[in-house]
């Protein structure tokens, strides 16, 4: 459905055209994959782009899935599966991801604080929504920071998760909702995990 994340970003920008050149609008990408999508949107719409650091809390026995997510301001979102794991293990996962968030802020955002979101229109972008925990944590964080309006824009997502996310935001834009949805990667012809170095390079591009 999409050649790569850049292609997805170009198509997403068309759906967000009404925000072009809007001085009160900020794009926030969830790294790493969301950065490549958001960069194209930022270029097409002439909007400022920054990062919001959110981490999945991976299952100990299946790191591709998560027991929840944590955002850079400490906002937590849990999945019901969390209750199957002992508290000490959950705490260990939590501490590991807190360290990873601090590292990402230092490396990807050069240690800077999140942009001032007070009274802003914030568009949250990722390369897709699977379980929804990271996006939900990001939404709660930008609301905590005083965003006036919150929009989620993604290339792909699952029907049930999108229905839940839609209730939390002012607007939701999703280009593809596959009937048989099992992974974000399924809608990209050219898919791979971005490195921190690639994210930094993308952010530097004009």
N, C-alpha and C. Protein backbone atom coordinates (compact mmCIF):
# COMPACT_ATOMS: atom_id res chain seq x y z
N UNK A 1 0.81 -1.20 0.00
CA UNK A 1 0.00 0.00 0.00
C UNK A 1 0.85 1.26 0.00
N UNK A 2 2.03 1.18 0.68
CA UNK A 2 3.00 2.29 0.67
C UNK A 2 4.35 1.73 0.24
N UNK A 3 5.06 2.52 -0.57
CA UNK A 3 6.40 2.06 -0.96
C UNK A 3 7.33 2.08 0.24
N UNK A 4 7.32 3.20 0.97
CA UNK A 4 8.14 3.32 2.19
C UNK A 4 7.51 4.39 3.08
N UNK A 5 8.18 4.73 4.17
CA UNK A 5 7.63 5.71 5.11
C UNK A 5 7.51 7.11 4.49
N UNK A 6 8.44 7.44 3.61
CA UNK A 6 8.38 8.75 2.95
C UNK A 6 7.12 8.86 2.08
N UNK A 7 6.84 7.80 1.35
CA UNK A 7 5.63 7.75 0.52
C UNK A 7 4.39 7.91 1.40
N UNK A 8 4.37 7.22 2.53
CA UNK A 8 3.24 7.32 3.46
C UNK A 8 3.09 8.75 3.97
N UNK A 9 4.22 9.41 4.26
CA UNK A 9 4.19 10.79 4.75
C UNK A 9 3.64 11.75 3.71
N UNK A 10 4.02 11.56 2.46
CA UNK A 10 3.52 12.41 1.38
C UNK A 10 2.00 12.29 1.25
N UNK A 11 1.52 11.07 1.37
CA UNK A 11 0.07 10.85 1.25
C UNK A 11 -0.69 11.40 2.47
N UNK A 12 -0.06 11.27 3.62
CA UNK A 12 -0.67 11.78 4.85
C UNK A 12 -0.78 13.30 4.79
N UNK A 13 0.25 13.94 4.23
CA UNK A 13 0.26 15.41 4.12
C UNK A 13 -0.96 15.92 3.35
N UNK A 14 -1.39 15.18 2.35
CA UNK A 14 -2.55 15.59 1.54
C UNK A 14 -3.82 15.66 2.40
N UNK A 15 -3.90 14.79 3.39
CA UNK A 15 -5.08 14.76 4.27
C UNK A 15 -5.00 15.83 5.35
N UNK A 16 -3.82 16.43 5.51
CA UNK A 16 -3.61 17.43 6.56
C UNK A 16 -3.41 18.83 5.98
N UNK A 17 -3.77 19.00 4.72
CA UNK A 17 -3.45 20.23 4.00
C UNK A 17 -4.02 21.49 4.66
N UNK A 18 -5.12 21.34 5.38
CA UNK A 18 -5.72 22.54 5.99
C UNK A 18 -4.84 23.15 7.09
N UNK A 19 -3.82 22.39 7.53
CA UNK A 19 -2.92 22.92 8.56
C UNK A 19 -1.65 23.55 7.96
N UNK A 20 -1.55 23.59 6.66
CA UNK A 20 -0.37 24.16 5.98
C UNK A 20 -0.14 25.60 6.43
N UNK A 21 1.12 25.86 6.81
CA UNK A 21 1.55 27.21 7.23
C UNK A 21 0.84 27.73 8.48
N UNK A 22 0.17 26.86 9.19
CA UNK A 22 -0.54 27.29 10.41
C UNK A 22 0.46 27.50 11.55
N UNK A 23 0.57 28.73 12.02
CA UNK A 23 1.60 29.10 13.01
C UNK A 23 1.36 28.48 14.38
N UNK A 24 0.16 28.00 14.62
CA UNK A 24 -0.15 27.42 15.93
C UNK A 24 -0.05 25.90 15.93
N UNK A 25 0.37 25.33 14.81
CA UNK A 25 0.42 23.87 14.67
C UNK A 25 1.84 23.33 14.78
N UNK A 26 1.99 22.26 15.55
CA UNK A 26 3.29 21.59 15.73
C UNK A 26 3.13 20.11 15.41
N UNK A 27 4.07 19.56 14.65
CA UNK A 27 4.11 18.12 14.40
C UNK A 27 5.02 17.47 15.44
N UNK A 28 4.56 16.41 16.06
CA UNK A 28 5.39 15.64 16.97
C UNK A 28 5.45 14.20 16.47
N UNK A 29 6.66 13.73 16.17
CA UNK A 29 6.85 12.37 15.69
C UNK A 29 7.26 11.45 16.83
N UNK A 30 6.78 10.22 16.77
CA UNK A 30 7.22 9.19 17.72
C UNK A 30 8.36 8.42 17.06
N UNK A 31 9.58 8.54 17.61
CA UNK A 31 10.70 7.81 16.99
C UNK A 31 10.67 6.33 17.35
N UNK A 32 11.26 5.49 16.46
CA UNK A 32 12.03 6.02 15.36
C UNK A 32 11.22 6.14 14.08
N UNK A 33 10.40 5.13 13.79
CA UNK A 33 9.70 5.05 12.50
C UNK A 33 8.86 6.25 12.14
N UNK A 34 8.24 6.87 13.15
CA UNK A 34 7.37 8.00 12.89
C UNK A 34 8.09 9.22 12.33
N UNK A 35 9.40 9.29 12.56
CA UNK A 35 10.17 10.47 12.13
C UNK A 35 10.22 10.57 10.60
N UNK A 36 10.44 9.44 9.93
CA UNK A 36 10.52 9.45 8.46
C UNK A 36 9.18 9.84 7.84
N UNK A 37 8.09 9.43 8.46
CA UNK A 37 6.75 9.80 7.97
C UNK A 37 6.51 11.29 8.22
N UNK A 38 6.78 11.73 9.44
CA UNK A 38 6.50 13.11 9.84
C UNK A 38 7.35 14.13 9.09
N UNK A 39 8.57 13.74 8.74
CA UNK A 39 9.45 14.67 8.02
C UNK A 39 8.83 15.09 6.69
N UNK A 40 8.23 14.14 6.00
CA UNK A 40 7.58 14.46 4.72
C UNK A 40 6.37 15.37 4.93
N UNK A 41 5.61 15.11 5.99
CA UNK A 41 4.46 15.97 6.30
C UNK A 41 4.94 17.39 6.60
N UNK A 42 6.00 17.50 7.40
CA UNK A 42 6.55 18.81 7.77
C UNK A 42 7.00 19.58 6.53
N UNK A 43 7.65 18.88 5.59
CA UNK A 43 8.13 19.54 4.36
C UNK A 43 6.96 20.03 3.50
N UNK A 44 5.96 19.18 3.34
CA UNK A 44 4.82 19.52 2.47
C UNK A 44 3.99 20.66 3.05
N UNK A 45 3.88 20.70 4.38
CA UNK A 45 2.96 21.65 5.01
C UNK A 45 3.67 22.84 5.66
N UNK A 46 5.00 22.84 5.60
CA UNK A 46 5.78 23.94 6.17
C UNK A 46 5.46 24.12 7.67
N UNK A 47 5.57 23.02 8.40
CA UNK A 47 5.28 23.03 9.84
C UNK A 47 6.51 22.60 10.63
N UNK A 48 6.66 23.13 11.86
CA UNK A 48 7.78 22.70 12.70
C UNK A 48 7.62 21.26 13.15
N UNK A 49 8.75 20.55 13.22
CA UNK A 49 8.74 19.13 13.60
C UNK A 49 9.64 18.91 14.80
N UNK A 50 9.12 18.21 15.79
CA UNK A 50 9.92 17.81 16.94
C UNK A 50 9.56 16.38 17.30
N UNK A 51 10.23 15.86 18.32
CA UNK A 51 10.01 14.48 18.74
C UNK A 51 9.32 14.42 20.09
N UNK A 52 8.47 13.45 20.27
CA UNK A 52 7.97 13.11 21.59
C UNK A 52 8.47 11.70 21.87
N UNK A 53 9.16 11.54 22.98
CA UNK A 53 9.80 10.25 23.26
C UNK A 53 8.86 9.38 24.10
N UNK A 54 8.46 8.28 23.50
CA UNK A 54 7.57 7.30 24.14
C UNK A 54 8.16 5.92 23.89
N UNK A 55 8.10 5.07 24.89
CA UNK A 55 8.66 3.72 24.73
C UNK A 55 7.64 2.64 25.09
N UNK A 56 7.60 1.64 24.25
CA UNK A 56 6.82 0.45 24.57
C UNK A 56 7.48 -0.25 25.75
N UNK A 57 6.68 -0.83 26.62
CA UNK A 57 7.20 -1.66 27.71
C UNK A 57 7.10 -3.11 27.24
N UNK A 58 8.22 -3.67 26.74
CA UNK A 58 8.14 -4.97 26.07
C UNK A 58 7.87 -6.14 27.01
N UNK A 59 7.13 -7.11 26.51
CA UNK A 59 6.93 -8.35 27.26
C UNK A 59 8.27 -9.06 27.41
N UNK A 60 8.57 -9.59 28.58
CA UNK A 60 9.85 -10.27 28.78
C UNK A 60 10.06 -11.45 27.84
N UNK A 61 8.97 -12.18 27.54
CA UNK A 61 9.09 -13.39 26.72
C UNK A 61 8.69 -13.15 25.25
N UNK A 62 8.30 -11.91 24.93
CA UNK A 62 7.92 -11.58 23.55
C UNK A 62 8.09 -10.08 23.33
N UNK A 63 9.35 -9.62 23.12
CA UNK A 63 9.65 -8.18 23.05
C UNK A 63 8.91 -7.42 21.95
N UNK A 64 8.41 -8.13 20.94
CA UNK A 64 7.67 -7.46 19.87
C UNK A 64 6.31 -6.96 20.37
N UNK A 65 5.79 -7.59 21.41
CA UNK A 65 4.53 -7.16 22.02
C UNK A 65 4.85 -6.40 23.31
N UNK A 66 3.84 -5.74 23.85
CA UNK A 66 4.10 -4.92 25.03
C UNK A 66 3.08 -5.11 26.13
N UNK A 67 3.51 -4.78 27.35
CA UNK A 67 2.59 -4.79 28.50
C UNK A 67 2.05 -3.37 28.73
N UNK A 68 2.53 -2.43 27.90
CA UNK A 68 2.09 -1.04 28.04
C UNK A 68 3.11 -0.11 27.40
N UNK A 69 3.07 1.15 27.83
CA UNK A 69 4.01 2.15 27.30
C UNK A 69 4.23 3.24 28.34
N UNK A 70 5.38 3.91 28.22
CA UNK A 70 5.69 5.05 29.08
C UNK A 70 6.17 6.22 28.24
N UNK A 71 5.69 7.43 28.57
CA UNK A 71 6.10 8.63 27.86
C UNK A 71 7.15 9.39 28.66
N UNK A 72 7.76 10.38 28.02
CA UNK A 72 8.88 11.09 28.63
C UNK A 72 8.51 11.86 29.88
N UNK A 73 7.22 12.18 30.08
CA UNK A 73 6.83 12.87 31.31
C UNK A 73 6.38 11.89 32.39
N UNK A 74 6.60 10.59 32.15
CA UNK A 74 6.24 9.57 33.13
C UNK A 74 4.84 9.01 32.97
N UNK A 75 4.10 9.50 31.98
CA UNK A 75 2.75 8.97 31.74
C UNK A 75 2.82 7.49 31.38
N UNK A 76 1.98 6.70 32.04
CA UNK A 76 1.96 5.25 31.82
C UNK A 76 0.62 4.80 31.24
N UNK A 77 0.69 3.86 30.32
CA UNK A 77 -0.50 3.19 29.79
C UNK A 77 -0.24 1.70 29.88
N UNK A 78 -1.17 0.99 30.46
CA UNK A 78 -0.98 -0.46 30.64
C UNK A 78 -1.94 -1.26 29.78
N UNK A 79 -1.45 -2.43 29.35
CA UNK A 79 -2.30 -3.43 28.71
C UNK A 79 -2.70 -4.46 29.76
N UNK A 80 -3.86 -5.09 29.63
CA UNK A 80 -4.30 -6.08 30.63
C UNK A 80 -3.29 -7.20 30.89
N UNK A 81 -2.47 -7.52 29.88
CA UNK A 81 -1.50 -8.61 30.01
C UNK A 81 -0.46 -8.33 31.10
N UNK A 82 -0.31 -7.06 31.48
CA UNK A 82 0.64 -6.68 32.56
C UNK A 82 0.39 -7.51 33.82
N UNK A 83 -0.86 -7.82 34.08
CA UNK A 83 -1.23 -8.52 35.31
C UNK A 83 -0.73 -9.96 35.38
N UNK A 84 -0.23 -10.46 34.24
CA UNK A 84 0.30 -11.83 34.22
C UNK A 84 1.76 -11.89 34.69
N UNK A 85 2.37 -10.74 34.91
CA UNK A 85 3.78 -10.69 35.29
C UNK A 85 3.94 -10.17 36.71
N UNK A 86 4.90 -10.71 37.45
CA UNK A 86 5.13 -10.25 38.82
C UNK A 86 5.59 -8.79 38.87
N UNK A 87 5.27 -8.12 39.97
CA UNK A 87 5.58 -6.69 40.12
C UNK A 87 7.06 -6.38 39.94
N UNK A 88 7.93 -7.24 40.47
CA UNK A 88 9.37 -6.96 40.38
C UNK A 88 9.83 -6.94 38.92
N UNK A 89 9.23 -7.80 38.08
CA UNK A 89 9.60 -7.86 36.67
C UNK A 89 9.07 -6.63 35.91
N UNK A 90 7.85 -6.24 36.24
CA UNK A 90 7.26 -5.05 35.63
C UNK A 90 8.10 -3.82 35.98
N UNK A 91 8.53 -3.74 37.25
CA UNK A 91 9.35 -2.61 37.69
C UNK A 91 10.69 -2.58 36.96
N UNK A 92 11.26 -3.75 36.73
CA UNK A 92 12.54 -3.86 36.01
C UNK A 92 12.39 -3.34 34.58
N UNK A 93 11.33 -3.74 33.91
CA UNK A 93 11.05 -3.29 32.54
C UNK A 93 10.87 -1.77 32.52
N UNK A 94 10.15 -1.27 33.51
CA UNK A 94 9.88 0.16 33.62
C UNK A 94 11.17 0.95 33.76
N UNK A 95 12.05 0.51 34.64
CA UNK A 95 13.33 1.21 34.87
C UNK A 95 14.20 1.19 33.61
N UNK A 96 14.21 0.06 32.92
CA UNK A 96 15.00 -0.06 31.68
C UNK A 96 14.52 0.95 30.64
N UNK A 97 13.22 1.10 30.51
CA UNK A 97 12.67 2.00 29.49
C UNK A 97 12.79 3.47 29.89
N UNK A 98 12.78 3.75 31.18
CA UNK A 98 13.04 5.12 31.65
C UNK A 98 14.45 5.55 31.25
N UNK A 99 15.39 4.63 31.40
CA UNK A 99 16.79 4.90 30.99
C UNK A 99 16.88 5.11 29.48
N UNK A 100 16.12 4.31 28.74
CA UNK A 100 16.13 4.42 27.28
C UNK A 100 15.54 5.76 26.84
N UNK A 101 14.50 6.22 27.54
CA UNK A 101 13.90 7.52 27.23
C UNK A 101 14.92 8.64 27.46
N UNK A 102 15.62 8.59 28.59
CA UNK A 102 16.64 9.61 28.89
C UNK A 102 17.72 9.61 27.82
N UNK A 103 18.11 8.42 27.37
CA UNK A 103 19.12 8.28 26.32
C UNK A 103 18.62 8.87 25.00
N UNK A 104 17.37 8.59 24.65
CA UNK A 104 16.80 9.10 23.40
C UNK A 104 16.68 10.62 23.41
N UNK A 105 16.30 11.17 24.56
CA UNK A 105 16.19 12.64 24.67
C UNK A 105 17.57 13.26 24.45
N UNK A 106 18.58 12.65 25.02
CA UNK A 106 19.95 13.16 24.90
C UNK A 106 20.46 13.05 23.46
N UNK A 107 20.25 11.89 22.84
CA UNK A 107 20.80 11.64 21.51
C UNK A 107 19.96 12.28 20.40
N UNK A 108 18.65 12.08 20.44
CA UNK A 108 17.80 12.50 19.33
C UNK A 108 17.30 13.93 19.46
N UNK A 109 17.16 14.40 20.70
CA UNK A 109 16.66 15.77 20.88
C UNK A 109 17.72 16.67 21.52
N UNK A 110 18.94 16.14 21.55
CA UNK A 110 20.09 16.90 22.08
C UNK A 110 19.85 17.43 23.49
N UNK A 111 19.09 16.67 24.28
CA UNK A 111 18.86 17.02 25.67
C UNK A 111 17.82 18.10 25.90
N UNK A 112 17.24 18.61 24.82
CA UNK A 112 16.26 19.71 24.96
C UNK A 112 14.93 19.20 25.50
N UNK A 113 14.24 20.10 26.20
CA UNK A 113 12.90 19.78 26.70
C UNK A 113 11.92 19.74 25.54
N UNK A 114 10.78 19.10 25.76
CA UNK A 114 9.71 19.08 24.77
C UNK A 114 9.28 20.52 24.49
N UNK A 115 8.94 20.81 23.24
CA UNK A 115 8.48 22.15 22.88
C UNK A 115 7.30 22.59 23.74
N UNK A 116 7.14 23.89 23.88
CA UNK A 116 5.99 24.44 24.59
C UNK A 116 4.72 24.16 23.77
N UNK A 117 3.81 23.38 24.32
CA UNK A 117 2.61 22.98 23.59
C UNK A 117 1.37 23.73 24.06
N UNK A 118 1.54 24.65 24.99
CA UNK A 118 0.41 25.41 25.54
C UNK A 118 -0.38 26.09 24.43
N UNK A 119 -1.67 25.76 24.36
CA UNK A 119 -2.59 26.38 23.41
C UNK A 119 -2.26 26.08 21.94
N UNK A 120 -1.50 25.03 21.68
CA UNK A 120 -1.12 24.67 20.30
C UNK A 120 -2.01 23.56 19.75
N UNK A 121 -2.04 23.49 18.41
CA UNK A 121 -2.62 22.34 17.71
C UNK A 121 -1.47 21.36 17.52
N UNK A 122 -1.58 20.17 18.08
CA UNK A 122 -0.51 19.18 18.00
C UNK A 122 -0.95 18.00 17.14
N UNK A 123 -0.14 17.71 16.12
CA UNK A 123 -0.40 16.54 15.27
C UNK A 123 0.63 15.47 15.62
N UNK A 124 0.16 14.37 16.17
CA UNK A 124 1.03 13.25 16.55
C UNK A 124 1.11 12.28 15.39
N UNK A 125 2.35 11.92 15.02
CA UNK A 125 2.56 11.05 13.85
C UNK A 125 3.44 9.86 14.20
N UNK A 126 3.01 8.70 13.78
CA UNK A 126 3.83 7.49 13.84
C UNK A 126 3.68 6.76 12.51
N UNK A 127 4.47 5.70 12.31
CA UNK A 127 4.37 4.98 11.04
C UNK A 127 3.21 3.98 11.02
N UNK A 128 2.51 3.89 12.14
CA UNK A 128 1.35 3.03 12.25
C UNK A 128 0.99 2.79 13.70
N UNK A 129 -0.22 2.30 13.93
CA UNK A 129 -0.66 1.98 15.29
C UNK A 129 -1.00 0.50 15.35
N UNK A 130 -0.29 -0.22 16.20
CA UNK A 130 -0.55 -1.65 16.38
C UNK A 130 -1.38 -1.85 17.66
N UNK A 131 -0.69 -1.91 18.80
CA UNK A 131 -1.41 -2.10 20.08
C UNK A 131 -1.99 -0.79 20.61
N UNK A 132 -1.38 0.34 20.23
CA UNK A 132 -1.93 1.63 20.60
C UNK A 132 -1.41 2.23 21.90
N UNK A 133 -0.62 1.47 22.66
CA UNK A 133 -0.15 1.97 23.96
C UNK A 133 0.74 3.20 23.84
N UNK A 134 1.70 3.16 22.90
CA UNK A 134 2.63 4.30 22.77
C UNK A 134 1.89 5.55 22.32
N UNK A 135 0.96 5.41 21.40
CA UNK A 135 0.20 6.57 20.93
C UNK A 135 -0.68 7.13 22.05
N UNK A 136 -1.29 6.24 22.82
CA UNK A 136 -2.14 6.69 23.92
C UNK A 136 -1.32 7.46 24.96
N UNK A 137 -0.12 6.97 25.25
CA UNK A 137 0.76 7.67 26.20
C UNK A 137 1.17 9.04 25.66
N UNK A 138 1.43 9.11 24.35
CA UNK A 138 1.79 10.39 23.72
C UNK A 138 0.63 11.38 23.78
N UNK A 139 -0.58 10.89 23.52
CA UNK A 139 -1.77 11.75 23.58
C UNK A 139 -1.94 12.34 24.97
N UNK A 140 -1.82 11.50 25.98
CA UNK A 140 -1.99 11.97 27.37
C UNK A 140 -0.92 12.99 27.73
N UNK A 141 0.30 12.77 27.24
CA UNK A 141 1.39 13.69 27.53
C UNK A 141 1.14 15.07 26.94
N UNK A 142 0.76 15.13 25.66
CA UNK A 142 0.54 16.45 25.04
C UNK A 142 -0.66 17.17 25.65
N UNK A 143 -1.63 16.41 26.11
CA UNK A 143 -2.75 17.03 26.82
C UNK A 143 -2.27 17.59 28.15
N UNK A 144 -1.43 16.83 28.84
CA UNK A 144 -0.85 17.30 30.11
C UNK A 144 -0.06 18.59 29.91
N UNK A 145 0.52 18.74 28.71
CA UNK A 145 1.36 19.91 28.40
C UNK A 145 0.53 21.09 27.86
N UNK A 146 -0.78 20.94 27.87
CA UNK A 146 -1.64 22.08 27.55
C UNK A 146 -2.04 22.25 26.09
N UNK A 147 -1.85 21.21 25.27
CA UNK A 147 -2.26 21.32 23.86
C UNK A 147 -3.75 21.64 23.76
N UNK A 148 -4.09 22.57 22.87
CA UNK A 148 -5.48 22.98 22.71
C UNK A 148 -6.27 21.96 21.89
N UNK A 149 -5.61 21.41 20.88
CA UNK A 149 -6.24 20.43 19.99
C UNK A 149 -5.23 19.34 19.67
N UNK A 150 -5.65 18.08 19.71
CA UNK A 150 -4.76 16.95 19.44
C UNK A 150 -5.29 16.14 18.27
N UNK A 151 -4.41 15.97 17.28
CA UNK A 151 -4.76 15.18 16.08
C UNK A 151 -3.77 14.04 15.97
N UNK A 152 -4.25 12.86 15.71
CA UNK A 152 -3.38 11.71 15.43
C UNK A 152 -3.47 11.42 13.94
N UNK A 153 -2.28 11.32 13.30
CA UNK A 153 -2.23 11.04 11.86
C UNK A 153 -1.26 9.89 11.61
N UNK A 154 -1.76 8.80 11.09
CA UNK A 154 -0.94 7.61 10.84
C UNK A 154 -1.30 6.98 9.49
N UNK A 155 -0.35 6.29 8.88
CA UNK A 155 -0.66 5.61 7.61
C UNK A 155 -1.56 4.39 7.78
N UNK A 156 -1.41 3.67 8.91
CA UNK A 156 -2.14 2.40 9.06
C UNK A 156 -2.45 2.13 10.53
N UNK A 157 -3.53 1.38 10.75
CA UNK A 157 -3.87 0.98 12.10
C UNK A 157 -4.95 -0.09 12.09
N UNK A 158 -5.14 -0.72 13.22
CA UNK A 158 -6.19 -1.72 13.37
C UNK A 158 -7.51 -1.08 13.77
N UNK A 159 -8.58 -1.63 13.31
CA UNK A 159 -9.91 -1.04 13.49
C UNK A 159 -10.27 -0.81 14.97
N UNK A 160 -10.07 -1.82 15.79
CA UNK A 160 -10.46 -1.72 17.21
C UNK A 160 -9.63 -0.69 17.95
N UNK A 161 -8.32 -0.70 17.71
CA UNK A 161 -7.43 0.26 18.38
C UNK A 161 -7.74 1.68 17.94
N UNK A 162 -7.99 1.88 16.65
CA UNK A 162 -8.32 3.21 16.13
C UNK A 162 -9.61 3.74 16.75
N UNK A 163 -10.58 2.87 16.97
CA UNK A 163 -11.85 3.28 17.59
C UNK A 163 -11.58 3.80 19.01
N UNK A 164 -10.65 3.16 19.70
CA UNK A 164 -10.30 3.60 21.06
C UNK A 164 -9.55 4.94 21.03
N UNK A 165 -8.58 5.05 20.10
CA UNK A 165 -7.79 6.28 19.98
C UNK A 165 -8.67 7.46 19.60
N UNK A 166 -9.63 7.22 18.73
CA UNK A 166 -10.52 8.29 18.23
C UNK A 166 -11.24 9.00 19.37
N UNK A 167 -11.56 8.26 20.41
CA UNK A 167 -12.28 8.84 21.56
C UNK A 167 -11.39 9.78 22.39
N UNK A 168 -10.08 9.66 22.20
CA UNK A 168 -9.13 10.43 23.03
C UNK A 168 -8.68 11.73 22.37
N UNK A 169 -8.99 11.91 21.08
CA UNK A 169 -8.43 13.05 20.33
C UNK A 169 -9.52 13.87 19.64
N UNK A 170 -9.11 15.02 19.11
CA UNK A 170 -10.04 15.88 18.39
C UNK A 170 -10.25 15.41 16.95
N UNK A 171 -9.22 14.77 16.40
CA UNK A 171 -9.34 14.26 15.03
C UNK A 171 -8.37 13.10 14.85
N UNK A 172 -8.77 12.13 14.05
CA UNK A 172 -7.93 10.96 13.76
C UNK A 172 -7.92 10.75 12.25
N UNK A 173 -6.72 10.67 11.70
CA UNK A 173 -6.57 10.41 10.27
C UNK A 173 -5.74 9.13 10.11
N UNK A 174 -6.31 8.16 9.45
CA UNK A 174 -5.60 6.90 9.16
C UNK A 174 -5.89 6.52 7.71
N UNK A 175 -4.85 6.34 6.93
CA UNK A 175 -5.02 6.11 5.49
C UNK A 175 -5.50 4.71 5.15
N UNK A 176 -5.00 3.72 5.88
CA UNK A 176 -5.35 2.32 5.58
C UNK A 176 -5.75 1.59 6.86
N UNK A 177 -6.88 0.90 6.79
CA UNK A 177 -7.33 0.07 7.92
C UNK A 177 -7.56 -1.34 7.38
N UNK A 178 -6.51 -2.16 7.31
CA UNK A 178 -6.65 -3.50 6.72
C UNK A 178 -7.63 -4.38 7.50
N UNK A 179 -8.39 -5.16 6.77
CA UNK A 179 -9.34 -6.06 7.43
C UNK A 179 -8.60 -7.11 8.25
N UNK A 180 -7.51 -7.61 7.68
CA UNK A 180 -6.69 -8.61 8.39
C UNK A 180 -5.38 -7.93 8.78
N UNK A 181 -5.40 -7.22 9.91
CA UNK A 181 -4.25 -6.43 10.34
C UNK A 181 -3.47 -7.16 11.41
N UNK A 182 -2.18 -7.40 11.13
CA UNK A 182 -1.36 -8.11 12.12
C UNK A 182 -0.06 -7.38 12.46
N UNK A 183 0.39 -6.45 11.59
CA UNK A 183 1.62 -5.71 11.88
C UNK A 183 1.69 -4.47 11.00
N UNK A 184 2.28 -3.40 11.53
CA UNK A 184 2.43 -2.15 10.78
C UNK A 184 3.20 -2.40 9.48
N UNK A 185 4.21 -3.25 9.55
CA UNK A 185 5.09 -3.51 8.40
C UNK A 185 4.35 -4.09 7.20
N UNK A 186 3.19 -4.69 7.40
CA UNK A 186 2.50 -5.38 6.30
C UNK A 186 2.08 -4.44 5.17
N UNK A 187 1.96 -3.13 5.44
CA UNK A 187 1.50 -2.21 4.40
C UNK A 187 2.64 -1.47 3.71
N UNK A 188 3.88 -1.79 4.06
CA UNK A 188 5.04 -1.14 3.46
C UNK A 188 5.82 -2.13 2.60
N UNK A 189 6.08 -1.73 1.36
CA UNK A 189 6.90 -2.58 0.48
C UNK A 189 8.35 -2.59 0.96
N UNK A 190 8.84 -1.40 1.32
CA UNK A 190 10.23 -1.26 1.77
C UNK A 190 10.21 -0.89 3.24
N UNK A 191 10.42 -1.89 4.10
CA UNK A 191 10.32 -1.69 5.56
C UNK A 191 11.58 -2.17 6.25
N UNK A 192 12.09 -1.36 7.14
CA UNK A 192 13.17 -1.79 8.03
C UNK A 192 13.18 -0.86 9.23
N UNK A 193 13.79 -1.30 10.32
CA UNK A 193 13.88 -0.48 11.53
C UNK A 193 14.94 0.59 11.35
N UNK A 194 14.58 1.83 11.62
CA UNK A 194 15.53 2.94 11.51
C UNK A 194 16.48 2.95 12.70
N UNK A 195 17.71 3.37 12.46
CA UNK A 195 18.69 3.54 13.54
C UNK A 195 18.62 4.98 14.06
N UNK A 196 19.23 5.22 15.22
CA UNK A 196 19.29 6.58 15.76
C UNK A 196 20.00 7.51 14.78
N UNK A 197 21.04 6.99 14.13
CA UNK A 197 21.82 7.80 13.18
C UNK A 197 20.95 8.25 12.00
N UNK A 198 20.10 7.35 11.53
CA UNK A 198 19.21 7.68 10.41
C UNK A 198 18.17 8.72 10.83
N UNK A 199 17.68 8.60 12.05
CA UNK A 199 16.71 9.57 12.57
C UNK A 199 17.33 10.95 12.63
N UNK A 200 18.56 11.04 13.15
CA UNK A 200 19.28 12.31 13.24
C UNK A 200 19.48 12.91 11.87
N UNK A 201 19.85 12.06 10.90
CA UNK A 201 20.05 12.52 9.53
C UNK A 201 18.76 13.07 8.92
N UNK A 202 17.66 12.37 9.14
CA UNK A 202 16.35 12.81 8.62
C UNK A 202 15.97 14.16 9.20
N UNK A 203 16.20 14.33 10.49
CA UNK A 203 15.84 15.59 11.15
C UNK A 203 16.68 16.76 10.64
N UNK A 204 17.90 16.48 10.21
CA UNK A 204 18.79 17.53 9.71
C UNK A 204 18.43 17.96 8.30
N UNK A 205 17.77 17.08 7.55
CA UNK A 205 17.45 17.37 6.16
C UNK A 205 16.50 18.56 6.05
N UNK A 206 16.73 19.36 5.02
CA UNK A 206 15.85 20.51 4.77
C UNK A 206 14.65 20.08 3.96
